[in-house]
Amino acid sequence: MKPYIELKGASGAVYRYKLAENGDPNTTIAGNYVYVDAKGTVVYAGEANNLIDSKARWSEAYARHGATWLYTRLNVSGASRADEYSDIVIALTPVMNQAD
């Protein structure tokens, strides 16, 4: 497990995400997040006004898609969060985002 991962969006922008130690983001700040499996594949990408909410679909991701780690990226601006989220989902097509 890496303490940081860099994800490249469809636009070519690169976003750095930090590992949430013990799967707990430990912050109520807004941001983006991803669930990653043991192979390093992003299985879900999300955005939240409060990163405590990043655990909302963790049980499903763990049970159905082998999610192993939660990574977060602080991003207070709502517009920036939405743009980053879209950029990541378009580029990586996480399996859990396909049903959204």
PDB file of N, CA and C in Angstrom:
ATOM      1  N   MET A   1       0.835  -1.172   0.000  1.00  0.00           N
ATOM      2  CA  MET A   1       0.000   0.000   0.000  1.00  0.00           C
ATOM      3  C   MET A   1       0.880   1.235   0.000  1.00  0.00           C
ATOM      4  N   LYS A   2       0.543   2.164  -0.861  1.00  0.00           N
ATOM      5  CA  LYS A   2       1.314   3.392  -0.994  1.00  0.00           C
ATOM      6  C   LYS A   2       0.642   4.502  -0.185  1.00  0.00           C
ATOM      7  N   PRO A   3       1.420   5.389   0.431  1.00  0.00           N
ATOM      8  CA  PRO A   3       0.811   6.478   1.188  1.00  0.00           C
ATOM      9  C   PRO A   3       0.115   7.492   0.274  1.00  0.00           C
ATOM     10  N   TYR A   4       0.545   7.570  -0.995  1.00  0.00           N
ATOM     11  CA  TYR A   4      -0.063   8.466  -1.973  1.00  0.00           C
ATOM     12  C   TYR A   4      -0.185   7.739  -3.299  1.00  0.00           C
ATOM     13  N   ILE A   5      -1.233   8.085  -4.056  1.00  0.00           N
ATOM     14  CA  ILE A   5      -1.345   7.608  -5.435  1.00  0.00           C
ATOM     15  C   ILE A   5      -1.657   8.818  -6.311  1.00  0.00           C
ATOM     16  N   GLU A   6      -1.243   8.753  -7.545  1.00  0.00           N
ATOM     17  CA  GLU A   6      -1.552   9.808  -8.496  1.00  0.00           C
ATOM     18  C   GLU A   6      -2.443   9.222  -9.579  1.00  0.00           C
ATOM     19  N   LEU A   7      -3.560   9.893  -9.816  1.00  0.00           N
ATOM     20  CA  LEU A   7      -4.526   9.440 -10.806  1.00  0.00           C
ATOM     21  C   LEU A   7      -4.608  10.460 -11.922  1.00  0.00           C
ATOM     22  N   LYS A   8      -4.556   9.974 -13.146  1.00  0.00           N
ATOM     23  CA  LYS A   8      -4.613  10.858 -14.307  1.00  0.00           C
ATOM     24  C   LYS A   8      -6.033  10.896 -14.845  1.00  0.00           C
ATOM     25  N   GLY A   9      -6.562  12.097 -14.969  1.00  0.00           N
ATOM     26  CA  GLY A   9      -7.902  12.285 -15.494  1.00  0.00           C
ATOM     27  C   GLY A   9      -7.910  12.278 -17.014  1.00  0.00           C
ATOM     28  N   ALA A  10      -9.109  12.287 -17.581  1.00  0.00           N
ATOM     29  CA  ALA A  10      -9.269  12.307 -19.039  1.00  0.00           C
ATOM     30  C   ALA A  10      -8.667  13.567 -19.647  1.00  0.00           C
ATOM     31  N   SER A  11      -8.631  14.653 -18.883  1.00  0.00           N
ATOM     32  CA  SER A  11      -8.088  15.919 -19.368  1.00  0.00           C
ATOM     33  C   SER A  11      -6.566  15.923 -19.424  1.00  0.00           C
ATOM     34  N   GLY A  12      -5.958  14.917 -18.783  1.00  0.00           N
ATOM     35  CA  GLY A  12      -4.503  14.873 -18.679  1.00  0.00           C
ATOM     36  C   GLY A  12      -4.006  15.393 -17.340  1.00  0.00           C
ATOM     37  N   ALA A  13      -4.896  16.023 -16.567  1.00  0.00           N
ATOM     38  CA  ALA A  13      -4.528  16.504 -15.232  1.00  0.00           C
ATOM     39  C   ALA A  13      -4.233  15.315 -14.324  1.00  0.00           C
ATOM     40  N   VAL A  14      -3.293  15.503 -13.413  1.00  0.00           N
ATOM     41  CA  VAL A  14      -2.923  14.461 -12.463  1.00  0.00           C
ATOM     42  C   VAL A  14      -3.330  14.912 -11.064  1.00  0.00           C
ATOM     43  N   TYR A  15      -3.989  14.026 -10.332  1.00  0.00           N
ATOM     44  CA  TYR A  15      -4.493  14.328  -9.000  1.00  0.00           C
ATOM     45  C   TYR A  15      -3.821  13.411  -7.990  1.00  0.00           C
ATOM     46  N   ARG A  16      -3.332  13.978  -6.902  1.00  0.00           N
ATOM     47  CA  ARG A  16      -2.656  13.198  -5.868  1.00  0.00           C
ATOM     48  C   ARG A  16      -3.623  12.935  -4.710  1.00  0.00           C
ATOM     49  N   TYR A  17      -3.795  11.656  -4.394  1.00  0.00           N
ATOM     50  CA  TYR A  17      -4.683  11.223  -3.316  1.00  0.00           C
ATOM     51  C   TYR A  17      -3.851  10.623  -2.184  1.00  0.00           C
ATOM     52  N   LYS A  18      -4.291  10.868  -0.964  1.00  0.00           N
ATOM     53  CA  LYS A  18      -3.592  10.377   0.221  1.00  0.00           C
ATOM     54  C   LYS A  18      -4.358   9.213   0.850  1.00  0.00           C
ATOM     55  N   LEU A  19      -3.629   8.203   1.276  1.00  0.00           N
ATOM     56  CA  LEU A  19      -4.222   7.058   1.952  1.00  0.00           C
ATOM     57  C   LEU A  19      -4.892   7.499   3.245  1.00  0.00           C
ATOM     58  N   ALA A  20      -6.112   7.050   3.453  1.00  0.00           N
ATOM     59  CA  ALA A  20      -6.812   7.296   4.718  1.00  0.00           C
ATOM     60  C   ALA A  20      -6.390   6.182   5.672  1.00  0.00           C
ATOM     61  N   GLU A  21      -5.576   6.507   6.645  1.00  0.00           N
ATOM     62  CA  GLU A  21      -5.060   5.507   7.591  1.00  0.00           C
ATOM     63  C   GLU A  21      -6.203   4.800   8.298  1.00  0.00           C
ATOM     64  N   ASN A  22      -6.125   3.503   8.379  1.00  0.00           N
ATOM     65  CA  ASN A  22      -7.155   2.656   8.985  1.00  0.00           C
ATOM     66  C   ASN A  22      -8.510   2.834   8.315  1.00  0.00           C
ATOM     67  N   GLY A  23      -8.519   3.290   7.061  1.00  0.00           N
ATOM     68  CA  GLY A  23      -9.765   3.465   6.329  1.00  0.00           C
ATOM     69  C   GLY A  23     -10.636   4.591   6.844  1.00  0.00           C
ATOM     70  N   ASP A  24     -10.061   5.483   7.631  1.00  0.00           N
ATOM     71  CA  ASP A  24     -10.823   6.581   8.227  1.00  0.00           C
ATOM     72  C   ASP A  24     -10.242   7.910   7.746  1.00  0.00           C
ATOM     73  N   PRO A  25     -11.040   8.718   7.041  1.00  0.00           N
ATOM     74  CA  PRO A  25     -10.503   9.979   6.531  1.00  0.00           C
ATOM     75  C   PRO A  25     -10.156  10.986   7.633  1.00  0.00           C
ATOM     76  N   ASN A  26     -10.700  10.809   8.833  1.00  0.00           N
ATOM     77  CA  ASN A  26     -10.358  11.655   9.985  1.00  0.00           C
ATOM     78  C   ASN A  26     -10.504  13.148   9.727  1.00  0.00           C
ATOM     79  N   THR A  27     -11.439  13.528   8.887  1.00  0.00           N
ATOM     80  CA  THR A  27     -11.671  14.951   8.648  1.00  0.00           C
ATOM     81  C   THR A  27     -13.109  15.167   8.207  1.00  0.00           C
ATOM     82  N   THR A  28     -13.597  16.347   8.488  1.00  0.00           N
ATOM     83  CA  THR A  28     -14.936  16.721   8.034  1.00  0.00           C
ATOM     84  C   THR A  28     -14.850  17.721   6.882  1.00  0.00           C
ATOM     85  N   ILE A  29     -13.666  17.876   6.320  1.00  0.00           N
ATOM     86  CA  ILE A  29     -13.457  18.781   5.195  1.00  0.00           C
ATOM     87  C   ILE A  29     -13.996  18.132   3.916  1.00  0.00           C
ATOM     88  N   ALA A  30     -14.410  18.959   2.976  1.00  0.00           N
ATOM     89  CA  ALA A  30     -14.903  18.465   1.694  1.00  0.00           C
ATOM     90  C   ALA A  30     -13.755  17.938   0.844  1.00  0.00           C
ATOM     91  N   GLY A  31     -14.083  17.020  -0.067  1.00  0.00           N
ATOM     92  CA  GLY A  31     -13.056  16.505  -0.953  1.00  0.00           C
ATOM     93  C   GLY A  31     -13.554  15.395  -1.855  1.00  0.00           C
ATOM     94  N   ASN A  32     -12.607  14.809  -2.556  1.00  0.00           N
ATOM     95  CA  ASN A  32     -12.867  13.673  -3.430  1.00  0.00           C
ATOM     96  C   ASN A  32     -12.223  12.442  -2.801  1.00  0.00           C
ATOM     97  N   TYR A  33     -12.690  11.278  -3.215  1.00  0.00           N
ATOM     98  CA  TYR A  33     -12.139  10.042  -2.657  1.00  0.00           C
ATOM     99  C   TYR A  33     -12.268   8.911  -3.660  1.00  0.00           C
ATOM    100  N   VAL A  34     -11.448   7.892  -3.474  1.00  0.00           N
ATOM    101  CA  VAL A  34     -11.512   6.697  -4.306  1.00  0.00           C
ATOM    102  C   VAL A  34     -11.333   5.465  -3.434  1.00  0.00           C
ATOM    103  N   TYR A  35     -11.995   4.395  -3.845  1.00  0.00           N
ATOM    104  CA  TYR A  35     -11.783   3.072  -3.253  1.00  0.00           C
ATOM    105  C   TYR A  35     -10.897   2.313  -4.237  1.00  0.00           C
ATOM    106  N   VAL A  36      -9.857   1.689  -3.721  1.00  0.00           N
ATOM    107  CA  VAL A  36      -8.876   1.003  -4.566  1.00  0.00           C
ATOM    108  C   VAL A  36      -8.751  -0.452  -4.120  1.00  0.00           C
ATOM    109  N   ASP A  37      -8.671  -1.376  -5.085  1.00  0.00           N
ATOM    110  CA  ASP A  37      -8.504  -2.786  -4.740  1.00  0.00           C
ATOM    111  C   ASP A  37      -7.027  -3.136  -4.584  1.00  0.00           C
ATOM    112  N   ALA A  38      -6.745  -4.394  -4.260  1.00  0.00           N
ATOM    113  CA  ALA A  38      -5.374  -4.832  -3.995  1.00  0.00           C
ATOM    114  C   ALA A  38      -4.469  -4.713  -5.217  1.00  0.00           C
ATOM    115  N   LYS A  39      -5.036  -4.691  -6.415  1.00  0.00           N
ATOM    116  CA  LYS A  39      -4.246  -4.555  -7.642  1.00  0.00           C
ATOM    117  C   LYS A  39      -3.961  -3.090  -7.977  1.00  0.00           C
ATOM    118  N   GLY A  40      -4.563  -2.184  -7.218  1.00  0.00           N
ATOM    119  CA  GLY A  40      -4.375  -0.761  -7.479  1.00  0.00           C
ATOM    120  C   GLY A  40      -5.411  -0.167  -8.416  1.00  0.00           C
ATOM    121  N   THR A  41      -6.463  -0.931  -8.701  1.00  0.00           N
ATOM    122  CA  THR A  41      -7.529  -0.459  -9.576  1.00  0.00           C
ATOM    123  C   THR A  41      -8.549   0.345  -8.780  1.00  0.00           C
ATOM    124  N   VAL A  42      -8.917   1.495  -9.292  1.00  0.00           N
ATOM    125  CA  VAL A  42      -9.960   2.301  -8.655  1.00  0.00           C
ATOM    126  C   VAL A  42     -11.303   1.646  -8.973  1.00  0.00           C
ATOM    127  N   VAL A  43     -12.025   1.204  -7.938  1.00  0.00           N
ATOM    128  CA  VAL A  43     -13.319   0.563  -8.145  1.00  0.00           C
ATOM    129  C   VAL A  43     -14.479   1.528  -7.929  1.00  0.00           C
ATOM    130  N   TYR A  44     -14.211   2.666  -7.266  1.00  0.00           N
ATOM    131  CA  TYR A  44     -15.245   3.679  -7.061  1.00  0.00           C
ATOM    132  C   TYR A  44     -14.592   5.027  -6.831  1.00  0.00           C
ATOM    133  N   ALA A  45     -15.163   6.057  -7.417  1.00  0.00           N
ATOM    134  CA  ALA A  45     -14.723   7.435  -7.192  1.00  0.00           C
ATOM    135  C   ALA A  45     -15.921   8.223  -6.689  1.00  0.00           C
ATOM    136  N   GLY A  46     -15.676   9.106  -5.734  1.00  0.00           N
ATOM    137  CA  GLY A  46     -16.766   9.905  -5.199  1.00  0.00           C
ATOM    138  C   GLY A  46     -16.309  11.285  -4.786  1.00  0.00           C
ATOM    139  N   GLU A  47     -17.289  12.110  -4.465  1.00  0.00           N
ATOM    140  CA  GLU A  47     -17.024  13.454  -3.951  1.00  0.00           C
ATOM    141  C   GLU A  47     -17.973  13.671  -2.775  1.00  0.00           C
ATOM    142  N   ALA A  48     -17.548  14.478  -1.814  1.00  0.00           N
ATOM    143  CA  ALA A  48     -18.367  14.682  -0.620  1.00  0.00           C
ATOM    144  C   ALA A  48     -18.129  16.065  -0.032  1.00  0.00           C
ATOM    145  N   ASN A  49     -19.178  16.627   0.536  1.00  0.00           N
ATOM    146  CA  ASN A  49     -19.054  17.890   1.271  1.00  0.00           C
ATOM    147  C   ASN A  49     -18.374  17.666   2.606  1.00  0.00           C
ATOM    148  N   ASN A  50     -18.351  16.419   3.045  1.00  0.00           N
ATOM    149  CA  ASN A  50     -17.761  16.024   4.313  1.00  0.00           C
ATOM    150  C   ASN A  50     -17.134  14.647   4.094  1.00  0.00           C
ATOM    151  N   LEU A  51     -15.812  14.537   4.161  1.00  0.00           N
ATOM    152  CA  LEU A  51     -15.153  13.264   3.829  1.00  0.00           C
ATOM    153  C   LEU A  51     -15.495  12.123   4.781  1.00  0.00           C
ATOM    154  N   ILE A  52     -16.122  12.421   5.905  1.00  0.00           N
ATOM    155  CA  ILE A  52     -16.628  11.339   6.762  1.00  0.00           C
ATOM    156  C   ILE A  52     -17.624  10.494   5.957  1.00  0.00           C
ATOM    157  N   ASP A  53     -18.336  11.135   5.019  1.00  0.00           N
ATOM    158  CA  ASP A  53     -19.311  10.438   4.178  1.00  0.00           C
ATOM    159  C   ASP A  53     -18.669   9.539   3.125  1.00  0.00           C
ATOM    160  N   SER A  54     -17.358   9.557   3.024  1.00  0.00           N
ATOM    161  CA  SER A  54     -16.669   8.739   2.023  1.00  0.00           C
ATOM    162  C   SER A  54     -16.812   7.238   2.293  1.00  0.00           C
ATOM    163  N   LYS A  55     -17.293   6.869   3.451  1.00  0.00           N
ATOM    164  CA  LYS A  55     -17.458   5.447   3.789  1.00  0.00           C
ATOM    165  C   LYS A  55     -18.835   4.906   3.397  1.00  0.00           C
ATOM    166  N   ALA A  56     -19.679   5.742   2.798  1.00  0.00           N
ATOM    167  CA  ALA A  56     -21.070   5.369   2.516  1.00  0.00           C
ATOM    168  C   ALA A  56     -21.214   4.066   1.721  1.00  0.00           C
ATOM    169  N   ARG A  57     -20.368   3.830   0.744  1.00  0.00           N
ATOM    170  CA  ARG A  57     -20.500   2.622  -0.089  1.00  0.00           C
ATOM    171  C   ARG A  57     -19.356   1.632   0.127  1.00  0.00           C
ATOM    172  N   TRP A  58     -18.606   1.819   1.209  1.00  0.00           N
ATOM    173  CA  TRP A  58     -17.442   0.971   1.465  1.00  0.00           C
ATOM    174  C   TRP A  58     -17.807  -0.504   1.581  1.00  0.00           C
ATOM    175  N   SER A  59     -18.857  -0.832   2.309  1.00  0.00           N
ATOM    176  CA  SER A  59     -19.233  -2.250   2.509  1.00  0.00           C
ATOM    177  C   SER A  59     -19.486  -2.935   1.174  1.00  0.00           C
ATOM    178  N   GLU A  60     -20.210  -2.268   0.298  1.00  0.00           N
ATOM    179  CA  GLU A  60     -20.480  -2.818  -1.029  1.00  0.00           C
ATOM    180  C   GLU A  60     -19.190  -2.969  -1.833  1.00  0.00           C
ATOM    181  N   ALA A  61     -18.348  -1.949  -1.789  1.00  0.00           N
ATOM    182  CA  ALA A  61     -17.089  -1.986  -2.537  1.00  0.00           C
ATOM    183  C   ALA A  61     -16.183  -3.108  -2.056  1.00  0.00           C
ATOM    184  N   TYR A  62     -16.138  -3.300  -0.752  1.00  0.00           N
ATOM    185  CA  TYR A  62     -15.314  -4.351  -0.159  1.00  0.00           C
ATOM    186  C   TYR A  62     -15.859  -5.738  -0.524  1.00  0.00           C
ATOM    187  N   ALA A  63     -17.152  -5.933  -0.323  1.00  0.00           N
ATOM    188  CA  ALA A  63     -17.759  -7.255  -0.536  1.00  0.00           C
ATOM    189  C   ALA A  63     -17.845  -7.652  -2.010  1.00  0.00           C
ATOM    190  N   ARG A  64     -18.208  -6.730  -2.876  1.00  0.00           N
ATOM    191  CA  ARG A  64     -18.454  -7.062  -4.273  1.00  0.00           C
ATOM    192  C   ARG A  64     -17.276  -6.824  -5.209  1.00  0.00           C
ATOM    193  N   HIS A  65     -16.366  -5.911  -4.815  1.00  0.00           N
ATOM    194  CA  HIS A  65     -15.304  -5.529  -5.748  1.00  0.00           C
ATOM    195  C   HIS A  65     -13.905  -5.577  -5.150  1.00  0.00           C
ATOM    196  N   GLY A  66     -13.789  -6.100  -3.945  1.00  0.00           N
ATOM    197  CA  GLY A  66     -12.478  -6.286  -3.339  1.00  0.00           C
ATOM    198  C   GLY A  66     -11.750  -5.012  -2.951  1.00  0.00           C
ATOM    199  N   ALA A  67     -12.505  -3.937  -2.679  1.00  0.00           N
ATOM    200  CA  ALA A  67     -11.863  -2.691  -2.257  1.00  0.00           C
ATOM    201  C   ALA A  67     -11.031  -2.962  -1.008  1.00  0.00           C
ATOM    202  N   THR A  68      -9.844  -2.407  -1.006  1.00  0.00           N
ATOM    203  CA  THR A  68      -8.902  -2.629   0.080  1.00  0.00           C
ATOM    204  C   THR A  68      -8.526  -1.333   0.774  1.00  0.00           C
ATOM    205  N   TRP A  69      -8.423  -0.243   0.003  1.00  0.00           N
ATOM    206  CA  TRP A  69      -7.966   1.023   0.564  1.00  0.00           C
ATOM    207  C   TRP A  69      -8.861   2.179   0.151  1.00  0.00           C
ATOM    208  N   LEU A  70      -8.905   3.160   1.028  1.00  0.00           N
ATOM    209  CA  LEU A  70      -9.601   4.420   0.777  1.00  0.00           C
ATOM    210  C   LEU A  70      -8.550   5.517   0.678  1.00  0.00           C
ATOM    211  N   TYR A  71      -8.597   6.272  -0.410  1.00  0.00           N
ATOM    212  CA  TYR A  71      -7.702   7.410  -0.600  1.00  0.00           C
ATOM    213  C   TYR A  71      -8.561   8.674  -0.727  1.00  0.00           C
ATOM    214  N   THR A  72      -8.076   9.770  -0.170  1.00  0.00           N
ATOM    215  CA  THR A  72      -8.827  11.022  -0.206  1.00  0.00           C
ATOM    216  C   THR A  72      -7.982  12.165  -0.755  1.00  0.00           C
ATOM    217  N   ARG A  73      -8.682  13.198  -1.193  1.00  0.00           N
ATOM    218  CA  ARG A  73      -8.030  14.415  -1.666  1.00  0.00           C
ATOM    219  C   ARG A  73      -8.891  15.585  -1.213  1.00  0.00           C
ATOM    220  N   LEU A  74      -8.329  16.447  -0.379  1.00  0.00           N
ATOM    221  CA  LEU A  74      -9.056  17.609   0.112  1.00  0.00           C
ATOM    222  C   LEU A  74      -9.295  18.575  -1.038  1.00  0.00           C
ATOM    223  N   ASN A  75     -10.524  19.071  -1.120  1.00  0.00           N
ATOM    224  CA  ASN A  75     -10.895  19.939  -2.226  1.00  0.00           C
ATOM    225  C   ASN A  75     -12.143  20.707  -1.805  1.00  0.00           C
ATOM    226  N   VAL A  76     -11.963  21.871  -1.235  1.00  0.00           N
ATOM    227  CA  VAL A  76     -13.065  22.620  -0.648  1.00  0.00           C
ATOM    228  C   VAL A  76     -14.027  23.183  -1.695  1.00  0.00           C
ATOM    229  N   SER A  77     -13.522  23.595  -2.838  1.00  0.00           N
ATOM    230  CA  SER A  77     -14.366  24.201  -3.872  1.00  0.00           C
ATOM    231  C   SER A  77     -15.287  23.167  -4.518  1.00  0.00           C
ATOM    232  N   GLY A  78     -16.584  23.410  -4.427  1.00  0.00           N
ATOM    233  CA  GLY A  78     -17.567  22.484  -5.006  1.00  0.00           C
ATOM    234  C   GLY A  78     -17.385  22.298  -6.501  1.00  0.00           C
ATOM    235  N   ALA A  79     -17.105  23.379  -7.213  1.00  0.00           N
ATOM    236  CA  ALA A  79     -16.918  23.289  -8.667  1.00  0.00           C
ATOM    237  C   ALA A  79     -15.680  22.467  -9.005  1.00  0.00           C
ATOM    238  N   SER A  80     -14.597  22.680  -8.273  1.00  0.00           N
ATOM    239  CA  SER A  80     -13.368  21.909  -8.508  1.00  0.00           C
ATOM    240  C   SER A  80     -13.578  20.434  -8.209  1.00  0.00           C
ATOM    241  N   ARG A  81     -14.293  20.140  -7.122  1.00  0.00           N
ATOM    242  CA  ARG A  81     -14.587  18.742  -6.769  1.00  0.00           C
ATOM    243  C   ARG A  81     -15.351  18.057  -7.887  1.00  0.00           C
ATOM    244  N   ALA A  82     -16.390  18.718  -8.387  1.00  0.00           N
ATOM    245  CA  ALA A  82     -17.223  18.124  -9.434  1.00  0.00           C
ATOM    246  C   ALA A  82     -16.419  17.915 -10.720  1.00  0.00           C
ATOM    247  N   ASP A  83     -15.602  18.886 -11.077  1.00  0.00           N
ATOM    248  CA  ASP A  83     -14.779  18.747 -12.287  1.00  0.00           C
ATOM    249  C   ASP A  83     -13.792  17.599 -12.147  1.00  0.00           C
ATOM    250  N   GLU A  84     -13.131  17.515 -10.994  1.00  0.00           N
ATOM    251  CA  GLU A  84     -12.160  16.449 -10.754  1.00  0.00           C
ATOM    252  C   GLU A  84     -12.848  15.088 -10.776  1.00  0.00           C
ATOM    253  N   TYR A  85     -13.986  14.990 -10.109  1.00  0.00           N
ATOM    254  CA  TYR A  85     -14.751  13.742 -10.076  1.00  0.00           C
ATOM    255  C   TYR A  85     -15.057  13.276 -11.511  1.00  0.00           C
ATOM    256  N   SER A  86     -15.609  14.169 -12.320  1.00  0.00           N
ATOM    257  CA  SER A  86     -15.948  13.815 -13.701  1.00  0.00           C
ATOM    258  C   SER A  86     -14.714  13.402 -14.493  1.00  0.00           C
ATOM    259  N   ASP A  87     -13.635  14.129 -14.326  1.00  0.00           N
ATOM    260  CA  ASP A  87     -12.389  13.853 -15.036  1.00  0.00           C
ATOM    261  C   ASP A  87     -11.869  12.449 -14.707  1.00  0.00           C
ATOM    262  N   ILE A  88     -11.910  12.099 -13.430  1.00  0.00           N
ATOM    263  CA  ILE A  88     -11.437  10.779 -12.973  1.00  0.00           C
ATOM    264  C   ILE A  88     -12.360   9.665 -13.474  1.00  0.00           C
ATOM    265  N   VAL A  89     -13.661   9.855 -13.339  1.00  0.00           N
ATOM    266  CA  VAL A  89     -14.617   8.808 -13.744  1.00  0.00           C
ATOM    267  C   VAL A  89     -14.548   8.555 -15.253  1.00  0.00           C
ATOM    268  N   ILE A  90     -14.432   9.604 -16.032  1.00  0.00           N
ATOM    269  CA  ILE A  90     -14.325   9.428 -17.489  1.00  0.00           C
ATOM    270  C   ILE A  90     -13.049   8.660 -17.849  1.00  0.00           C
ATOM    271  N   ALA A  91     -11.946   9.003 -17.199  1.00  0.00           N
ATOM    272  CA  ALA A  91     -10.663   8.361 -17.525  1.00  0.00           C
ATOM    273  C   ALA A  91     -10.568   6.920 -17.031  1.00  0.00           C
ATOM    274  N   LEU A  92     -11.035   6.671 -15.810  1.00  0.00           N
ATOM    275  CA  LEU A  92     -10.799   5.365 -15.181  1.00  0.00           C
ATOM    276  C   LEU A  92     -11.988   4.413 -15.238  1.00  0.00           C
ATOM    277  N   THR A  93     -13.148   4.902 -15.548  1.00  0.00           N
ATOM    278  CA  THR A  93     -14.386   4.112 -15.574  1.00  0.00           C
ATOM    279  C   THR A  93     -14.486   3.092 -14.438  1.00  0.00           C
ATOM    280  N   PRO A  94     -14.457   3.570 -13.176  1.00  0.00           N
ATOM    281  CA  PRO A  94     -14.570   2.636 -12.046  1.00  0.00           C
ATOM    282  C   PRO A  94     -15.851   1.816 -12.130  1.00  0.00           C
ATOM    283  N   VAL A  95     -15.752   0.548 -11.838  1.00  0.00           N
ATOM    284  CA  VAL A  95     -16.874  -0.379 -12.004  1.00  0.00           C
ATOM    285  C   VAL A  95     -18.119   0.071 -11.232  1.00  0.00           C
ATOM    286  N   MET A  96     -17.953   0.590 -10.037  1.00  0.00           N
ATOM    287  CA  MET A  96     -19.121   0.998  -9.247  1.00  0.00           C
ATOM    288  C   MET A  96     -19.741   2.301  -9.744  1.00  0.00           C
ATOM    289  N   ASN A  97     -19.022   3.100 -10.479  1.00  0.00           N
ATOM    290  CA  ASN A  97     -19.574   4.339 -11.007  1.00  0.00           C
ATOM    291  C   ASN A  97     -20.383   4.102 -12.293  1.00  0.00           C
ATOM    292  N   GLN A  98     -20.257   2.944 -12.890  1.00  0.00           N
ATOM    293  CA  GLN A  98     -20.965   2.661 -14.119  1.00  0.00           C
ATOM    294  C   GLN A  98     -22.463   2.531 -13.899  1.00  0.00           C
ATOM    295  N   ALA A  99     -22.868   2.179 -12.686  1.00  0.00           N
ATOM    296  CA  ALA A  99     -24.281   2.016 -12.365  1.00  0.00           C
ATOM    297  C   ALA A  99     -24.895   3.313 -11.869  1.00  0.00           C
ATOM    298  N   ASP A 100     -24.061   4.325 -11.569  1.00  0.00           N
ATOM    299  CA  ASP A 100     -24.568   5.605 -11.038  1.00  0.00           C
ATOM    300  C   ASP A 100     -25.319   6.386 -12.098  1.00  0.00           C
TER     301      ASP A 100
END
